[in-house]
Every structure is written in structure tokens, then in C-alpha cells.
């Protein structure tokens, strides 16, 4: 399977083509890149429902607010989690 590279909080992250941004965030966090979203109280946030209802996976993608669980990764995309 081919992979693509996107930027998460300015760090390059390689993921399998077809991955969601939520999966890329999880993959990067497991790799120790520290890209997990944080609440205003500093608590780690992650996708909860996986279908866009809970809004826990809101991130900025190429400057627009999006839901990571509903957005497919594209090579070169820039994701900011607000951490």
C-alpha cells in the first residue's frame, strides 16, 4: 500500500493512502509526536463517535475547521490541532 506525507502541527507524518485525518493523528500520537488535541483544561481529546456527531476531533485543516474523522488525508495537507 502506498503512503502519503502530511504535516501535523508542523511535523511530517507518513500514513497509508486513504487514511482519515483522525487515524493520522492517532498514528502520530502513538509514534510520540505529541499531536493529540487538548481541551482548554489541558485534557487529551480524541475522536469519540467516529461519525462527526461529538465534534471531539475538530482540527484546522489547511486553515479551515474540519472534523478529522470525516476528512481523508491528502499529501501535503496541513493539520493544526491547537496543542
PDB file of N, CA and C in Angstrom:
ATOM      1  N   UNK A   1       0.845  -1.171   0.000  1.00  0.00           N
ATOM      2  CA  UNK A   1       0.000   0.000   0.000  1.00  0.00           C
ATOM      3  C   UNK A   1       0.890   1.235   0.000  1.00  0.00           C
ATOM      4  N   UNK A   2       0.531   2.227  -0.765  1.00  0.00           N
ATOM      5  CA  UNK A   2       1.332   3.444  -0.827  1.00  0.00           C
ATOM      6  C   UNK A   2       1.048   4.337   0.370  1.00  0.00           C
ATOM      7  N   UNK A   3       1.985   5.220   0.640  1.00  0.00           N
ATOM      8  CA  UNK A   3       1.790   6.146   1.752  1.00  0.00           C
ATOM      9  C   UNK A   3       1.899   7.575   1.244  1.00  0.00           C
ATOM     10  N   UNK A   4       1.367   8.491   2.045  1.00  0.00           N
ATOM     11  CA  UNK A   4       1.440   9.910   1.746  1.00  0.00           C
ATOM     12  C   UNK A   4       1.990  10.611   2.990  1.00  0.00           C
ATOM     13  N   UNK A   5       2.479  11.822   2.798  1.00  0.00           N
ATOM     14  CA  UNK A   5       3.005  12.606   3.916  1.00  0.00           C
ATOM     15  C   UNK A   5       2.182  13.877   4.043  1.00  0.00           C
ATOM     16  N   UNK A   6       1.752  14.153   5.264  1.00  0.00           N
ATOM     17  CA  UNK A   6       1.069  15.395   5.567  1.00  0.00           C
ATOM     18  C   UNK A   6       1.771  16.033   6.750  1.00  0.00           C
ATOM     19  N   UNK A   7       1.430  17.264   7.057  1.00  0.00           N
ATOM     20  CA  UNK A   7       2.017  17.975   8.190  1.00  0.00           C
ATOM     21  C   UNK A   7       0.994  18.043   9.313  1.00  0.00           C
ATOM     22  N   UNK A   8       1.385  17.630  10.515  1.00  0.00           N
ATOM     23  CA  UNK A   8       0.529  17.772  11.692  1.00  0.00           C
ATOM     24  C   UNK A   8       1.301  18.618  12.689  1.00  0.00           C
ATOM     25  N   UNK A   9       0.767  19.793  12.986  1.00  0.00           N
ATOM     26  CA  UNK A   9       1.448  20.746  13.865  1.00  0.00           C
ATOM     27  C   UNK A   9       2.890  20.983  13.419  1.00  0.00           C
ATOM     28  N   UNK A  10       3.076  21.060  12.103  1.00  0.00           N
ATOM     29  CA  UNK A  10       4.389  21.348  11.540  1.00  0.00           C
ATOM     30  C   UNK A  10       5.324  20.164  11.446  1.00  0.00           C
ATOM     31  N   UNK A  11       4.859  18.983  11.835  1.00  0.00           N
ATOM     32  CA  UNK A  11       5.707  17.787  11.797  1.00  0.00           C
ATOM     33  C   UNK A  11       5.247  16.877  10.660  1.00  0.00           C
ATOM     34  N   UNK A  12       6.172  16.354   9.847  1.00  0.00           N
ATOM     35  CA  UNK A  12       5.780  15.441   8.778  1.00  0.00           C
ATOM     36  C   UNK A  12       5.327  14.100   9.358  1.00  0.00           C
ATOM     37  N   UNK A  13       4.214  13.616   8.840  1.00  0.00           N
ATOM     38  CA  UNK A  13       3.666  12.334   9.271  1.00  0.00           C
ATOM     39  C   UNK A  13       3.313  11.536   8.027  1.00  0.00           C
ATOM     40  N   UNK A  14       3.861  10.323   7.921  1.00  0.00           N
ATOM     41  CA  UNK A  14       3.545   9.427   6.805  1.00  0.00           C
ATOM     42  C   UNK A  14       2.435   8.473   7.234  1.00  0.00           C
ATOM     43  N   UNK A  15       1.401   8.365   6.395  1.00  0.00           N
ATOM     44  CA  UNK A  15       0.273   7.473   6.670  1.00  0.00           C
ATOM     45  C   UNK A  15      -0.093   6.718   5.399  1.00  0.00           C
ATOM     46  N   UNK A  16      -0.749   5.575   5.539  1.00  0.00           N
ATOM     47  CA  UNK A  16      -1.210   4.876   4.341  1.00  0.00           C
ATOM     48  C   UNK A  16      -2.213   5.733   3.564  1.00  0.00           C
ATOM     49  N   UNK A  17      -2.119   5.719   2.252  1.00  0.00           N
ATOM     50  CA  UNK A  17      -3.086   6.436   1.418  1.00  0.00           C
ATOM     51  C   UNK A  17      -4.489   5.952   1.770  1.00  0.00           C
ATOM     52  N   UNK A  18      -5.428   6.870   1.855  1.00  0.00           N
ATOM     53  CA  UNK A  18      -6.801   6.527   2.193  1.00  0.00           C
ATOM     54  C   UNK A  18      -7.128   6.667   3.666  1.00  0.00           C
ATOM     55  N   UNK A  19      -6.117   6.989   4.495  1.00  0.00           N
ATOM     56  CA  UNK A  19      -6.346   7.163   5.931  1.00  0.00           C
ATOM     57  C   UNK A  19      -7.155   8.424   6.205  1.00  0.00           C
ATOM     58  N   UNK A  20      -7.915   8.391   7.289  1.00  0.00           N
ATOM     59  CA  UNK A  20      -8.591   9.609   7.738  1.00  0.00           C
ATOM     60  C   UNK A  20      -7.594  10.443   8.526  1.00  0.00           C
ATOM     61  N   UNK A  21      -7.891  11.722   8.678  1.00  0.00           N
ATOM     62  CA  UNK A  21      -7.035  12.584   9.483  1.00  0.00           C
ATOM     63  C   UNK A  21      -7.041  12.093  10.931  1.00  0.00           C
ATOM     64  N   UNK A  22      -8.169  11.598  11.415  1.00  0.00           N
ATOM     65  CA  UNK A  22      -8.239  11.057  12.774  1.00  0.00           C
ATOM     66  C   UNK A  22      -7.258   9.897  12.937  1.00  0.00           C
ATOM     67  N   UNK A  23      -7.176   9.026  11.962  1.00  0.00           N
ATOM     68  CA  UNK A  23      -6.229   7.905  12.020  1.00  0.00           C
ATOM     69  C   UNK A  23      -4.791   8.421  11.980  1.00  0.00           C
ATOM     70  N   UNK A  24      -4.531   9.460  11.194  1.00  0.00           N
ATOM     71  CA  UNK A  24      -3.196  10.038  11.126  1.00  0.00           C
ATOM     72  C   UNK A  24      -2.809  10.653  12.466  1.00  0.00           C
ATOM     73  N   UNK A  25      -3.760  11.319  13.113  1.00  0.00           N
ATOM     74  CA  UNK A  25      -3.496  11.902  14.430  1.00  0.00           C
ATOM     75  C   UNK A  25      -3.152  10.811  15.435  1.00  0.00           C
ATOM     76  N   UNK A  26      -3.900   9.736  15.421  1.00  0.00           N
ATOM     77  CA  UNK A  26      -3.646   8.626  16.350  1.00  0.00           C
ATOM     78  C   UNK A  26      -2.296   8.001  16.066  1.00  0.00           C
ATOM     79  N   UNK A  27      -2.006   7.773  14.811  1.00  0.00           N
ATOM     80  CA  UNK A  27      -0.736   7.178  14.415  1.00  0.00           C
ATOM     81  C   UNK A  27       0.430   8.060  14.863  1.00  0.00           C
ATOM     82  N   UNK A  28       0.318   9.353  14.670  1.00  0.00           N
ATOM     83  CA  UNK A  28       1.383  10.275  15.059  1.00  0.00           C
ATOM     84  C   UNK A  28       1.527  10.322  16.572  1.00  0.00           C
ATOM     85  N   UNK A  29       0.421  10.251  17.295  1.00  0.00           N
ATOM     86  CA  UNK A  29       0.479  10.286  18.749  1.00  0.00           C
ATOM     87  C   UNK A  29       1.145   9.028  19.287  1.00  0.00           C
ATOM     88  N   UNK A  30       0.831   7.884  18.714  1.00  0.00           N
ATOM     89  CA  UNK A  30       1.454   6.623  19.127  1.00  0.00           C
ATOM     90  C   UNK A  30       2.956   6.677  18.860  1.00  0.00           C
ATOM     91  N   UNK A  31       3.342   7.362  17.800  1.00  0.00           N
ATOM     92  CA  UNK A  31       4.759   7.488  17.451  1.00  0.00           C
ATOM     93  C   UNK A  31       5.488   8.494  18.338  1.00  0.00           C
ATOM     94  N   UNK A  32       4.756   9.115  19.263  1.00  0.00           N
ATOM     95  CA  UNK A  32       5.382  10.037  20.204  1.00  0.00           C
ATOM     96  C   UNK A  32       5.564  11.454  19.707  1.00  0.00           C
ATOM     97  N   UNK A  33       4.819  11.846  18.684  1.00  0.00           N
ATOM     98  CA  UNK A  33       4.958  13.198  18.149  1.00  0.00           C
ATOM     99  C   UNK A  33       4.164  14.233  18.939  1.00  0.00           C
ATOM    100  N   UNK A  34       3.364  13.810  19.901  1.00  0.00           N
ATOM    101  CA  UNK A  34       2.662  14.755  20.758  1.00  0.00           C
ATOM    102  C   UNK A  34       1.675  15.650  20.041  1.00  0.00           C
ATOM    103  N   UNK A  35       0.843  15.076  19.182  1.00  0.00           N
ATOM    104  CA  UNK A  35      -0.079  15.896  18.396  1.00  0.00           C
ATOM    105  C   UNK A  35      -1.538  15.770  18.845  1.00  0.00           C
ATOM    106  N   UNK A  36      -1.781  15.091  19.959  1.00  0.00           N
ATOM    107  CA  UNK A  36      -3.152  14.924  20.448  1.00  0.00           C
ATOM    108  C   UNK A  36      -3.778  16.278  20.719  1.00  0.00           C
ATOM    109  N   UNK A  37      -5.038  16.431  20.338  1.00  0.00           N
ATOM    110  CA  UNK A  37      -5.769  17.656  20.676  1.00  0.00           C
ATOM    111  C   UNK A  37      -5.891  17.763  22.183  1.00  0.00           C
ATOM    112  N   UNK A  38      -5.957  18.964  22.677  1.00  0.00           N
ATOM    113  CA  UNK A  38      -6.127  19.211  24.106  1.00  0.00           C
ATOM    114  C   UNK A  38      -7.334  20.117  24.321  1.00  0.00           C
ATOM    115  N   UNK A  39      -8.059  19.866  25.399  1.00  0.00           N
ATOM    116  CA  UNK A  39      -9.171  20.733  25.770  1.00  0.00           C
ATOM    117  C   UNK A  39      -8.601  22.004  26.380  1.00  0.00           C
ATOM    118  N   UNK A  40      -9.457  22.982  26.664  1.00  0.00           N
ATOM    119  CA  UNK A  40      -8.987  24.212  27.293  1.00  0.00           C
ATOM    120  C   UNK A  40      -8.423  23.942  28.681  1.00  0.00           C
ATOM    121  N   UNK A  41      -8.785  22.821  29.278  1.00  0.00           N
ATOM    122  CA  UNK A  41      -8.246  22.439  30.586  1.00  0.00           C
ATOM    123  C   UNK A  41      -6.997  21.578  30.476  1.00  0.00           C
ATOM    124  N   UNK A  42      -6.555  21.297  29.228  1.00  0.00           N
ATOM    125  CA  UNK A  42      -5.345  20.523  29.016  1.00  0.00           C
ATOM    126  C   UNK A  42      -5.549  19.024  28.914  1.00  0.00           C
ATOM    127  N   UNK A  43      -6.799  18.564  28.934  1.00  0.00           N
ATOM    128  CA  UNK A  43      -7.067  17.132  28.836  1.00  0.00           C
ATOM    129  C   UNK A  43      -6.927  16.663  27.388  1.00  0.00           C
ATOM    130  N   UNK A  44      -6.390  15.464  27.218  1.00  0.00           N
ATOM    131  CA  UNK A  44      -6.267  14.887  25.880  1.00  0.00           C
ATOM    132  C   UNK A  44      -7.648  14.658  25.284  1.00  0.00           C
ATOM    133  N   UNK A  45      -7.787  14.972  24.013  1.00  0.00           N
ATOM    134  CA  UNK A  45      -9.040  14.773  23.294  1.00  0.00           C
ATOM    135  C   UNK A  45      -8.784  13.853  22.112  1.00  0.00           C
ATOM    136  N   UNK A  46      -9.787  13.093  21.739  1.00  0.00           N
ATOM    137  CA  UNK A  46      -9.673  12.179  20.605  1.00  0.00           C
ATOM    138  C   UNK A  46     -11.049  11.948  20.026  1.00  0.00           C
ATOM    139  N   UNK A  47     -11.125  11.409  18.811  1.00  0.00           N
ATOM    140  CA  UNK A  47     -12.437  11.088  18.260  1.00  0.00           C
ATOM    141  C   UNK A  47     -13.194  10.163  19.207  1.00  0.00           C
ATOM    142  N   UNK A  48     -14.440  10.425  19.379  1.00  0.00           N
ATOM    143  CA  UNK A  48     -15.264   9.614  20.275  1.00  0.00           C
ATOM    144  C   UNK A  48     -16.260   8.792  19.479  1.00  0.00           C
ATOM    145  N   UNK A  49     -17.035   9.457  18.629  1.00  0.00           N
ATOM    146  CA  UNK A  49     -18.090   8.741  17.921  1.00  0.00           C
ATOM    147  C   UNK A  49     -17.640   8.210  16.557  1.00  0.00           C
ATOM    148  N   UNK A  50     -16.656   8.847  15.946  1.00  0.00           N
ATOM    149  CA  UNK A  50     -16.159   8.409  14.645  1.00  0.00           C
ATOM    150  C   UNK A  50     -17.059   8.744  13.475  1.00  0.00           C
ATOM    151  N   UNK A  51     -18.120   9.536  13.722  1.00  0.00           N
ATOM    152  CA  UNK A  51     -19.009   9.896  12.612  1.00  0.00           C
ATOM    153  C   UNK A  51     -19.393  11.366  12.603  1.00  0.00           C
ATOM    154  N   UNK A  52     -18.695  12.189  13.371  1.00  0.00           N
ATOM    155  CA  UNK A  52     -18.892  13.627  13.304  1.00  0.00           C
ATOM    156  C   UNK A  52     -19.933  14.216  14.224  1.00  0.00           C
ATOM    157  N   UNK A  53     -20.591  13.413  15.029  1.00  0.00           N
ATOM    158  CA  UNK A  53     -21.622  13.924  15.923  1.00  0.00           C
ATOM    159  C   UNK A  53     -21.009  14.605  17.145  1.00  0.00           C
ATOM    160  N   UNK A  54     -20.006  14.003  17.743  1.00  0.00           N
ATOM    161  CA  UNK A  54     -19.465  14.500  19.018  1.00  0.00           C
ATOM    162  C   UNK A  54     -18.590  15.745  18.851  1.00  0.00           C
ATOM    163  N   UNK A  55     -18.010  15.956  17.680  1.00  0.00           N
ATOM    164  CA  UNK A  55     -17.152  17.096  17.384  1.00  0.00           C
ATOM    165  C   UNK A  55     -15.840  17.099  18.175  1.00  0.00           C
ATOM    166  N   UNK A  56     -15.482  15.997  18.822  1.00  0.00           N
ATOM    167  CA  UNK A  56     -14.249  15.931  19.607  1.00  0.00           C
ATOM    168  C   UNK A  56     -12.994  15.937  18.739  1.00  0.00           C
ATOM    169  N   UNK A  57     -13.129  15.703  17.463  1.00  0.00           N
ATOM    170  CA  UNK A  57     -11.953  15.622  16.596  1.00  0.00           C
ATOM    171  C   UNK A  57     -11.782  16.871  15.731  1.00  0.00           C
ATOM    172  N   UNK A  58     -12.366  17.996  16.130  1.00  0.00           N
ATOM    173  CA  UNK A  58     -12.215  19.238  15.362  1.00  0.00           C
ATOM    174  C   UNK A  58     -10.750  19.650  15.317  1.00  0.00           C
ATOM    175  N   UNK A  59     -10.297  19.940  14.112  1.00  0.00           N
ATOM    176  CA  UNK A  59      -8.942  20.430  13.885  1.00  0.00           C
ATOM    177  C   UNK A  59      -8.998  21.464  12.764  1.00  0.00           C
ATOM    178  N   UNK A  60      -7.897  22.131  12.543  1.00  0.00           N
ATOM    179  CA  UNK A  60      -7.781  23.047  11.412  1.00  0.00           C
ATOM    180  C   UNK A  60      -7.028  22.309  10.310  1.00  0.00           C
ATOM    181  N   UNK A  61      -7.648  22.225   9.145  1.00  0.00           N
ATOM    182  CA  UNK A  61      -7.028  21.555   8.005  1.00  0.00           C
ATOM    183  C   UNK A  61      -6.894  22.570   6.885  1.00  0.00           C
ATOM    184  N   UNK A  62      -5.652  22.868   6.539  1.00  0.00           N
ATOM    185  CA  UNK A  62      -5.362  23.891   5.523  1.00  0.00           C
ATOM    186  C   UNK A  62      -6.121  25.182   5.810  1.00  0.00           C
ATOM    187  N   UNK A  63      -6.186  25.547   7.098  1.00  0.00           N
ATOM    188  CA  UNK A  63      -6.783  26.802   7.512  1.00  0.00           C
ATOM    189  C   UNK A  63      -8.277  26.785   7.764  1.00  0.00           C
ATOM    190  N   UNK A  64      -8.949  25.672   7.521  1.00  0.00           N
ATOM    191  CA  UNK A  64     -10.397  25.575   7.735  1.00  0.00           C
ATOM    192  C   UNK A  64     -10.696  24.585   8.851  1.00  0.00           C
ATOM    193  N   UNK A  65     -11.683  24.887   9.683  1.00  0.00           N
ATOM    194  CA  UNK A  65     -12.077  23.975  10.763  1.00  0.00           C
ATOM    195  C   UNK A  65     -12.791  22.771  10.152  1.00  0.00           C
ATOM    196  N   UNK A  66     -12.333  21.583  10.496  1.00  0.00           N
ATOM    197  CA  UNK A  66     -12.894  20.351   9.954  1.00  0.00           C
ATOM    198  C   UNK A  66     -12.952  19.281  11.035  1.00  0.00           C
ATOM    199  N   UNK A  67     -13.673  18.216  10.734  1.00  0.00           N
ATOM    200  CA  UNK A  67     -13.725  17.046  11.604  1.00  0.00           C
ATOM    201  C   UNK A  67     -12.737  16.015  11.061  1.00  0.00           C
ATOM    202  N   UNK A  68     -11.792  15.646  11.894  1.00  0.00           N
ATOM    203  CA  UNK A  68     -10.733  14.721  11.469  1.00  0.00           C
ATOM    204  C   UNK A  68     -11.278  13.358  11.088  1.00  0.00           C
ATOM    205  N   UNK A  69     -12.361  12.933  11.749  1.00  0.00           N
ATOM    206  CA  UNK A  69     -12.895  11.597  11.461  1.00  0.00           C
ATOM    207  C   UNK A  69     -13.582  11.529  10.102  1.00  0.00           C
ATOM    208  N   UNK A  70     -13.946  12.677   9.550  1.00  0.00           N
ATOM    209  CA  UNK A  70     -14.665  12.695   8.274  1.00  0.00           C
ATOM    210  C   UNK A  70     -13.826  13.227   7.125  1.00  0.00           C
ATOM    211  N   UNK A  71     -12.543  13.433   7.351  1.00  0.00           N
ATOM    212  CA  UNK A  71     -11.686  14.018   6.328  1.00  0.00           C
ATOM    213  C   UNK A  71     -10.572  13.051   5.956  1.00  0.00           C
ATOM    214  N   UNK A  72     -10.464  12.760   4.669  1.00  0.00           N
ATOM    215  CA  UNK A  72      -9.400  11.878   4.177  1.00  0.00           C
ATOM    216  C   UNK A  72      -8.101  12.658   4.044  1.00  0.00           C
ATOM    217  N   UNK A  73      -6.995  12.016   4.364  1.00  0.00           N
ATOM    218  CA  UNK A  73      -5.678  12.644   4.238  1.00  0.00           C
ATOM    219  C   UNK A  73      -5.337  12.861   2.773  1.00  0.00           C
ATOM    220  N   UNK A  74      -4.682  13.973   2.514  1.00  0.00           N
ATOM    221  CA  UNK A  74      -4.196  14.310   1.181  1.00  0.00           C
ATOM    222  C   UNK A  74      -2.738  14.711   1.345  1.00  0.00           C
ATOM    223  N   UNK A  75      -1.907  14.253   0.439  1.00  0.00           N
ATOM    224  CA  UNK A  75      -0.475  14.591   0.524  1.00  0.00           C
ATOM    225  C   UNK A  75      -0.291  16.102   0.614  1.00  0.00           C
ATOM    226  N   UNK A  76       0.535  16.520   1.572  1.00  0.00           N
ATOM    227  CA  UNK A  76       0.851  17.924   1.730  1.00  0.00           C
ATOM    228  C   UNK A  76      -0.125  18.731   2.567  1.00  0.00           C
ATOM    229  N   UNK A  77      -1.241  18.121   2.987  1.00  0.00           N
ATOM    230  CA  UNK A  77      -2.216  18.864   3.796  1.00  0.00           C
ATOM    231  C   UNK A  77      -1.577  19.280   5.109  1.00  0.00           C
ATOM    232  N   UNK A  78      -2.037  20.418   5.631  1.00  0.00           N
ATOM    233  CA  UNK A  78      -1.508  20.932   6.901  1.00  0.00           C
ATOM    234  C   UNK A  78      -2.602  20.882   7.947  1.00  0.00           C
ATOM    235  N   UNK A  79      -2.350  20.114   8.997  1.00  0.00           N
ATOM    236  CA  UNK A  79      -3.312  19.921  10.085  1.00  0.00           C
ATOM    237  C   UNK A  79      -2.758  20.588  11.338  1.00  0.00           C
ATOM    238  N   UNK A  80      -3.580  21.387  11.989  1.00  0.00           N
ATOM    239  CA  UNK A  80      -3.217  22.007  13.256  1.00  0.00           C
ATOM    240  C   UNK A  80      -4.234  21.571  14.301  1.00  0.00           C
ATOM    241  N   UNK A  81      -3.731  21.060  15.415  1.00  0.00           N
ATOM    242  CA  UNK A  81      -4.631  20.549  16.440  1.00  0.00           C
ATOM    243  C   UNK A  81      -4.908  21.550  17.551  1.00  0.00           C
ATOM    244  N   UNK A  82      -4.158  22.639  17.585  1.00  0.00           N
ATOM    245  CA  UNK A  82      -4.363  23.608  18.655  1.00  0.00           C
ATOM    246  C   UNK A  82      -3.670  23.228  19.948  1.00  0.00           C
ATOM    247  N   UNK A  83      -2.687  22.311  19.870  1.00  0.00           N
ATOM    248  CA  UNK A  83      -1.963  21.928  21.082  1.00  0.00           C
ATOM    249  C   UNK A  83      -0.888  22.920  21.377  1.00  0.00           C
TER     250      UNK A  83
END
